[in-house]
PDB file of N, CA and C in Angstrom:
ATOM      1  N   MET A   1       0.739  -1.215  -0.037  1.00  0.00           N
ATOM      2  CA  MET A   1       0.048  -0.001  -0.018  1.00  0.00           C
ATOM      3  C   MET A   1       0.868   1.290   0.039  1.00  0.00           C
ATOM      4  N   ILE A   2       1.873   1.343   0.775  1.00  0.00           N
ATOM      5  CA  ILE A   2       2.793   2.426   0.831  1.00  0.00           C
ATOM      6  C   ILE A   2       3.444   2.589  -0.485  1.00  0.00           C
ATOM      7  N   PHE A   3       3.886   1.427  -1.106  1.00  0.00           N
ATOM      8  CA  PHE A   3       4.618   1.554  -2.410  1.00  0.00           C
ATOM      9  C   PHE A   3       3.520   2.202  -3.512  1.00  0.00           C
ATOM     10  N   GLU A   4       2.399   1.671  -3.469  1.00  0.00           N
ATOM     11  CA  GLU A   4       1.388   2.265  -4.471  1.00  0.00           C
ATOM     12  C   GLU A   4       1.170   3.800  -4.327  1.00  0.00           C
ATOM     13  N   LYS A   5       1.119   4.143  -3.128  1.00  0.00           N
ATOM     14  CA  LYS A   5       0.935   5.632  -2.898  1.00  0.00           C
ATOM     15  C   LYS A   5       2.096   6.426  -3.381  1.00  0.00           C
ATOM     16  N   VAL A   6       3.272   5.860  -3.002  1.00  0.00           N
ATOM     17  CA  VAL A   6       4.598   6.637  -3.527  1.00  0.00           C
ATOM     18  C   VAL A   6       4.565   6.630  -5.053  1.00  0.00           C
ATOM     19  N   ARG A   7       4.385   5.463  -5.566  1.00  0.00           N
ATOM     20  CA  ARG A   7       4.300   5.179  -7.000  1.00  0.00           C
ATOM     21  C   ARG A   7       3.306   6.282  -7.685  1.00  0.00           C
ATOM     22  N   ASP A   8       2.222   6.367  -7.190  1.00  0.00           N
ATOM     23  CA  ASP A   8       1.146   7.162  -7.697  1.00  0.00           C
ATOM     24  C   ASP A   8       1.457   8.813  -7.631  1.00  0.00           C
ATOM     25  N   ALA A   9       2.172   9.090  -6.469  1.00  0.00           N
ATOM     26  CA  ALA A   9       2.693  10.481  -6.273  1.00  0.00           C
ATOM     27  C   ALA A   9       3.821  10.709  -7.317  1.00  0.00           C
ATOM     28  N   LEU A  10       4.631   9.897  -7.542  1.00  0.00           N
ATOM     29  CA  LEU A  10       5.655  10.107  -8.497  1.00  0.00           C
ATOM     30  C   LEU A  10       5.060  10.124  -9.964  1.00  0.00           C
ATOM     31  N   ALA A  11       4.223   9.296 -10.212  1.00  0.00           N
ATOM     32  CA  ALA A  11       3.600   9.202 -11.542  1.00  0.00           C
ATOM     33  C   ALA A  11       2.884  10.492 -11.798  1.00  0.00           C
ATOM     34  N   SER A  12       2.216  11.007 -10.863  1.00  0.00           N
ATOM     35  CA  SER A  12       1.463  12.238 -10.979  1.00  0.00           C
ATOM     36  C   SER A  12       2.336  13.427 -11.229  1.00  0.00           C
ATOM     37  N   GLN A  13       3.430  13.519 -10.238  1.00  0.00           N
ATOM     38  CA  GLN A  13       4.425  14.634 -10.278  1.00  0.00           C
ATOM     39  C   GLN A  13       5.209  14.656 -11.651  1.00  0.00           C
ATOM     40  N   PHE A  14       5.683  13.508 -12.138  1.00  0.00           N
ATOM     41  CA  PHE A  14       6.537  13.481 -13.376  1.00  0.00           C
ATOM     42  C   PHE A  14       5.658  13.029 -14.528  1.00  0.00           C
ATOM     43  N   GLU A  15       4.335  12.978 -14.511  1.00  0.00           N
ATOM     44  CA  GLU A  15       3.487  12.594 -15.754  1.00  0.00           C
ATOM     45  C   GLU A  15       3.951  11.331 -16.228  1.00  0.00           C
ATOM     46  N   LEU A  16       4.073  10.334 -15.392  1.00  0.00           N
ATOM     47  CA  LEU A  16       4.496   8.998 -15.920  1.00  0.00           C
ATOM     48  C   LEU A  16       3.299   7.963 -15.785  1.00  0.00           C
ATOM     49  N   ASP A  17       3.509   6.926 -16.469  1.00  0.00           N
ATOM     50  CA  ASP A  17       2.567   5.728 -16.338  1.00  0.00           C
ATOM     51  C   ASP A  17       3.020   5.059 -15.033  1.00  0.00           C
ATOM     52  N   PRO A  18       2.147   4.926 -14.130  1.00  0.00           N
ATOM     53  CA  PRO A  18       2.470   4.372 -12.841  1.00  0.00           C
ATOM     54  C   PRO A  18       3.261   2.951 -12.929  1.00  0.00           C
ATOM     55  N   GLU A  19       2.953   2.181 -13.868  1.00  0.00           N
ATOM     56  CA  GLU A  19       3.542   0.907 -14.158  1.00  0.00           C
ATOM     57  C   GLU A  19       5.031   1.078 -14.376  1.00  0.00           C
ATOM     58  N   THR A  20       5.479   2.231 -14.681  1.00  0.00           N
ATOM     59  CA  THR A  20       6.895   2.347 -15.062  1.00  0.00           C
ATOM     60  C   THR A  20       7.677   2.625 -13.734  1.00  0.00           C
ATOM     61  N   VAL A  21       7.081   2.920 -12.706  1.00  0.00           N
ATOM     62  CA  VAL A  21       7.685   3.179 -11.503  1.00  0.00           C
ATOM     63  C   VAL A  21       7.915   1.830 -10.627  1.00  0.00           C
ATOM     64  N   THR A  22       9.223   1.508 -10.272  1.00  0.00           N
ATOM     65  CA  THR A  22       9.396   0.325  -9.596  1.00  0.00           C
ATOM     66  C   THR A  22      10.206   0.719  -8.221  1.00  0.00           C
ATOM     67  N   LEU A  23      10.383  -0.350  -7.400  1.00  0.00           N
ATOM     68  CA  LEU A  23      11.165  -0.034  -6.177  1.00  0.00           C
ATOM     69  C   LEU A  23      12.627   0.477  -6.495  1.00  0.00           C
ATOM     70  N   GLU A  24      13.145   0.022  -7.636  1.00  0.00           N
ATOM     71  CA  GLU A  24      14.515   0.468  -7.986  1.00  0.00           C
ATOM     72  C   GLU A  24      14.531   1.771  -8.677  1.00  0.00           C
ATOM     73  N   THR A  25      13.461   2.488  -9.010  1.00  0.00           N
ATOM     74  CA  THR A  25      13.468   3.708  -9.639  1.00  0.00           C
ATOM     75  C   THR A  25      14.254   4.720  -8.728  1.00  0.00           C
ATOM     76  N   ASN A  26      15.241   5.425  -9.459  1.00  0.00           N
ATOM     77  CA  ASN A  26      15.953   6.434  -8.693  1.00  0.00           C
ATOM     78  C   ASN A  26      15.517   7.774  -9.119  1.00  0.00           C
ATOM     79  N   LEU A  27      15.138   8.633  -8.227  1.00  0.00           N
ATOM     80  CA  LEU A  27      14.516   9.947  -8.558  1.00  0.00           C
ATOM     81  C   LEU A  27      15.415  10.727  -9.370  1.00  0.00           C
ATOM     82  N   ILE A  28      16.639  10.796  -9.185  1.00  0.00           N
ATOM     83  CA  ILE A  28      17.435  11.715  -9.947  1.00  0.00           C
ATOM     84  C   ILE A  28      17.902  11.004 -11.380  1.00  0.00           C
ATOM     85  N   ASP A  29      18.538   9.831 -11.255  1.00  0.00           N
ATOM     86  CA  ASP A  29      19.067   9.076 -12.442  1.00  0.00           C
ATOM     87  C   ASP A  29      17.841   8.736 -13.405  1.00  0.00           C
ATOM     88  N   ASP A  30      16.797   8.108 -12.902  1.00  0.00           N
ATOM     89  CA  ASP A  30      15.809   7.709 -13.800  1.00  0.00           C
ATOM     90  C   ASP A  30      14.764   8.684 -14.088  1.00  0.00           C
ATOM     91  N   LEU A  31      14.325   9.572 -13.158  1.00  0.00           N
ATOM     92  CA  LEU A  31      13.299  10.531 -13.387  1.00  0.00           C
ATOM     93  C   LEU A  31      13.813  11.900 -13.637  1.00  0.00           C
ATOM     94  N   GLY A  32      15.076  12.187 -13.532  1.00  0.00           N
ATOM     95  CA  GLY A  32      15.621  13.542 -13.677  1.00  0.00           C
ATOM     96  C   GLY A  32      15.103  14.566 -12.768  1.00  0.00           C
ATOM     97  N   ALA A  33      14.860  14.123 -11.652  1.00  0.00           N
ATOM     98  CA  ALA A  33      14.372  15.114 -10.498  1.00  0.00           C
ATOM     99  C   ALA A  33      15.465  15.915 -10.077  1.00  0.00           C
ATOM    100  N   ASP A  34      15.090  17.302  -9.967  1.00  0.00           N
ATOM    101  CA  ASP A  34      15.990  18.223  -9.363  1.00  0.00           C
ATOM    102  C   ASP A  34      15.553  18.423  -7.886  1.00  0.00           C
ATOM    103  N   SER A  35      16.309  19.458  -7.313  1.00  0.00           N
ATOM    104  CA  SER A  35      15.953  19.662  -5.820  1.00  0.00           C
ATOM    105  C   SER A  35      14.625  20.155  -5.608  1.00  0.00           C
ATOM    106  N   LEU A  36      14.138  20.899  -6.384  1.00  0.00           N
ATOM    107  CA  LEU A  36      12.662  21.444  -6.266  1.00  0.00           C
ATOM    108  C   LEU A  36      11.701  20.275  -6.335  1.00  0.00           C
ATOM    109  N   ASP A  37      11.918  19.259  -7.391  1.00  0.00           N
ATOM    110  CA  ASP A  37      11.119  18.126  -7.521  1.00  0.00           C
ATOM    111  C   ASP A  37      11.037  17.340  -6.207  1.00  0.00           C
ATOM    112  N   VAL A  38      12.270  17.099  -5.578  1.00  0.00           N
ATOM    113  CA  VAL A  38      12.325  16.281  -4.427  1.00  0.00           C
ATOM    114  C   VAL A  38      11.627  16.993  -3.162  1.00  0.00           C
ATOM    115  N   VAL A  39      11.850  18.321  -3.142  1.00  0.00           N
ATOM    116  CA  VAL A  39      11.071  19.061  -2.061  1.00  0.00           C
ATOM    117  C   VAL A  39       9.617  18.744  -2.142  1.00  0.00           C
ATOM    118  N   GLU A  40       9.058  19.021  -3.458  1.00  0.00           N
ATOM    119  CA  GLU A  40       7.602  18.854  -3.716  1.00  0.00           C
ATOM    120  C   GLU A  40       7.220  17.542  -3.365  1.00  0.00           C
ATOM    121  N   LEU A  41       7.906  16.409  -3.678  1.00  0.00           N
ATOM    122  CA  LEU A  41       7.513  15.141  -3.478  1.00  0.00           C
ATOM    123  C   LEU A  41       7.522  14.782  -1.945  1.00  0.00           C
ATOM    124  N   ILE A  42       8.550  15.410  -1.163  1.00  0.00           N
ATOM    125  CA  ILE A  42       8.701  15.184   0.271  1.00  0.00           C
ATOM    126  C   ILE A  42       7.362  15.799   0.862  1.00  0.00           C
ATOM    127  N   MET A  43       7.074  17.073   0.389  1.00  0.00           N
ATOM    128  CA  MET A  43       5.812  17.720   1.056  1.00  0.00           C
ATOM    129  C   MET A  43       4.590  16.900   0.727  1.00  0.00           C
ATOM    130  N   GLU A  44       4.339  16.298  -0.548  1.00  0.00           N
ATOM    131  CA  GLU A  44       3.343  15.537  -0.699  1.00  0.00           C
ATOM    132  C   GLU A  44       3.208  14.216  -0.008  1.00  0.00           C
ATOM    133  N   LEU A  45       4.449  13.600   0.169  1.00  0.00           N
ATOM    134  CA  LEU A  45       4.390  12.474   1.084  1.00  0.00           C
ATOM    135  C   LEU A  45       4.074  12.848   2.501  1.00  0.00           C
ATOM    136  N   GLU A  46       4.507  13.985   2.977  1.00  0.00           N
ATOM    137  CA  GLU A  46       4.199  14.307   4.415  1.00  0.00           C
ATOM    138  C   GLU A  46       2.759  14.516   4.593  1.00  0.00           C
ATOM    139  N   ASP A  47       2.086  15.165   3.589  1.00  0.00           N
ATOM    140  CA  ASP A  47       0.724  15.272   3.582  1.00  0.00           C
ATOM    141  C   ASP A  47      -0.068  13.929   3.594  1.00  0.00           C
ATOM    142  N   GLU A  48       0.426  13.087   2.522  1.00  0.00           N
ATOM    143  CA  GLU A  48      -0.319  11.979   2.377  1.00  0.00           C
ATOM    144  C   GLU A  48      -0.246  10.892   3.463  1.00  0.00           C
ATOM    145  N   PHE A  49       0.930  10.888   4.230  1.00  0.00           N
ATOM    146  CA  PHE A  49       1.111   9.952   5.281  1.00  0.00           C
ATOM    147  C   PHE A  49       0.970  10.578   6.640  1.00  0.00           C
ATOM    148  N   GLY A  50       0.834  11.877   6.758  1.00  0.00           N
ATOM    149  CA  GLY A  50       0.670  12.430   8.016  1.00  0.00           C
ATOM    150  C   GLY A  50       2.007  12.442   8.908  1.00  0.00           C
ATOM    151  N   VAL A  51       3.098  12.559   8.223  1.00  0.00           N
ATOM    152  CA  VAL A  51       4.382  12.475   8.837  1.00  0.00           C
ATOM    153  C   VAL A  51       5.255  13.758   8.579  1.00  0.00           C
ATOM    154  N   THR A  52       6.316  13.850   9.287  1.00  0.00           N
ATOM    155  CA  THR A  52       7.170  14.941   8.995  1.00  0.00           C
ATOM    156  C   THR A  52       8.570  14.240   8.681  1.00  0.00           C
ATOM    157  N   ILE A  53       9.181  14.664   7.542  1.00  0.00           N
ATOM    158  CA  ILE A  53      10.452  14.137   7.095  1.00  0.00           C
ATOM    159  C   ILE A  53      11.378  15.159   7.156  1.00  0.00           C
ATOM    160  N   SER A  54      12.452  14.809   7.914  1.00  0.00           N
ATOM    161  CA  SER A  54      13.531  15.887   8.190  1.00  0.00           C
ATOM    162  C   SER A  54      14.347  16.123   6.885  1.00  0.00           C
ATOM    163  N   ASP A  55      15.062  17.169   6.840  1.00  0.00           N
ATOM    164  CA  ASP A  55      15.904  17.413   5.627  1.00  0.00           C
ATOM    165  C   ASP A  55      16.990  16.345   5.607  1.00  0.00           C
ATOM    166  N   GLU A  56      17.482  15.873   6.621  1.00  0.00           N
ATOM    167  CA  GLU A  56      18.619  14.836   6.747  1.00  0.00           C
ATOM    168  C   GLU A  56      18.116  13.657   6.172  1.00  0.00           C
ATOM    169  N   ALA A  57      16.771  13.254   6.513  1.00  0.00           N
ATOM    170  CA  ALA A  57      16.236  11.950   6.047  1.00  0.00           C
ATOM    171  C   ALA A  57      15.972  12.073   4.510  1.00  0.00           C
ATOM    172  N   ALA A  58      15.449  13.176   4.132  1.00  0.00           N
ATOM    173  CA  ALA A  58      15.048  13.536   2.837  1.00  0.00           C
ATOM    174  C   ALA A  58      16.161  13.313   1.810  1.00  0.00           C
ATOM    175  N   ALA A  59      17.360  13.830   2.287  1.00  0.00           N
ATOM    176  CA  ALA A  59      18.644  13.589   1.496  1.00  0.00           C
ATOM    177  C   ALA A  59      18.972  12.240   1.157  1.00  0.00           C
ATOM    178  N   GLU A  60      18.414  11.275   2.032  1.00  0.00           N
ATOM    179  CA  GLU A  60      18.829   9.820   1.769  1.00  0.00           C
ATOM    180  C   GLU A  60      17.669   9.170   0.943  1.00  0.00           C
ATOM    181  N   LEU A  61      16.622   9.817   0.677  1.00  0.00           N
ATOM    182  CA  LEU A  61      15.448   9.224  -0.029  1.00  0.00           C
ATOM    183  C   LEU A  61      15.567   9.415  -1.547  1.00  0.00           C
ATOM    184  N   TYR A  62      16.501   8.797  -2.216  1.00  0.00           N
ATOM    185  CA  TYR A  62      16.717   8.965  -3.590  1.00  0.00           C
ATOM    186  C   TYR A  62      16.232   7.794  -4.531  1.00  0.00           C
ATOM    187  N   THR A  63      15.765   6.810  -3.861  1.00  0.00           N
ATOM    188  CA  THR A  63      15.112   5.694  -4.619  1.00  0.00           C
ATOM    189  C   THR A  63      13.715   5.331  -4.055  1.00  0.00           C
ATOM    190  N   VAL A  64      12.877   4.740  -4.771  1.00  0.00           N
ATOM    191  CA  VAL A  64      11.482   4.399  -4.336  1.00  0.00           C
ATOM    192  C   VAL A  64      11.659   3.471  -3.163  1.00  0.00           C
ATOM    193  N   GLN A  65      12.654   2.506  -3.194  1.00  0.00           N
ATOM    194  CA  GLN A  65      12.747   1.556  -2.138  1.00  0.00           C
ATOM    195  C   GLN A  65      13.092   2.229  -0.834  1.00  0.00           C
ATOM    196  N   ARG A  66      13.975   3.259  -0.851  1.00  0.00           N
ATOM    197  CA  ARG A  66      14.383   3.948   0.344  1.00  0.00           C
ATOM    198  C   ARG A  66      13.275   4.752   0.868  1.00  0.00           C
ATOM    199  N   ILE A  67      12.398   5.305   0.018  1.00  0.00           N
ATOM    200  CA  ILE A  67      11.174   6.199   0.468  1.00  0.00           C
ATOM    201  C   ILE A  67      10.297   5.064   1.162  1.00  0.00           C
ATOM    202  N   VAL A  68       9.940   3.907   0.496  1.00  0.00           N
ATOM    203  CA  VAL A  68       9.023   2.956   1.118  1.00  0.00           C
ATOM    204  C   VAL A  68       9.597   2.531   2.472  1.00  0.00           C
ATOM    205  N   ASP A  69      10.800   2.162   2.489  1.00  0.00           N
ATOM    206  CA  ASP A  69      11.420   1.656   3.770  1.00  0.00           C
ATOM    207  C   ASP A  69      11.286   2.626   4.956  1.00  0.00           C
ATOM    208  N   TYR A  70      11.630   3.925   4.529  1.00  0.00           N
ATOM    209  CA  TYR A  70      11.479   5.110   5.578  1.00  0.00           C
ATOM    210  C   TYR A  70      10.101   5.172   5.958  1.00  0.00           C
ATOM    211  N   LEU A  71       9.125   5.345   5.250  1.00  0.00           N
ATOM    212  CA  LEU A  71       7.755   5.429   5.576  1.00  0.00           C
ATOM    213  C   LEU A  71       7.191   4.253   6.362  1.00  0.00           C
ATOM    214  N   GLU A  72       7.538   3.013   5.958  1.00  0.00           N
ATOM    215  CA  GLU A  72       7.256   1.957   6.804  1.00  0.00           C
ATOM    216  C   GLU A  72       7.667   2.035   8.243  1.00  0.00           C
ATOM    217  N   LYS A  73       8.909   2.518   8.479  1.00  0.00           N
ATOM    218  CA  LYS A  73       9.467   2.688   9.742  1.00  0.00           C
ATOM    219  C   LYS A  73       8.661   3.632  10.557  1.00  0.00           C
ATOM    220  N   LEU A  74       7.999   4.682   9.986  1.00  0.00           N
ATOM    221  CA  LEU A  74       7.275   5.615  10.597  1.00  0.00           C
ATOM    222  C   LEU A  74       5.858   5.257  10.972  1.00  0.00           C
ATOM    223  N   GLN A  75       5.388   4.086  10.393  1.00  0.00           N
ATOM    224  CA  GLN A  75       3.988   3.758  10.521  1.00  0.00           C
ATOM    225  C   GLN A  75       3.878   2.987  11.846  1.00  0.00           C
TER     226      GLN A  75
END
């Protein structure tokens, strides 16, 4: 369920087919995300999951797998 929400958020933000987003997807290398894209994604995830993600943690969240793992720890 967490993966699906993250996948859908990325698909919406980057105008992608959700099926193309996998756990191995890298925000920068695969999606071409810049720092503003990452900030927008973090804000959306915070709203979606009702959590706060520190800047230090956000800097480590560069793959879908890392994002999912981090959010699972907060649940």
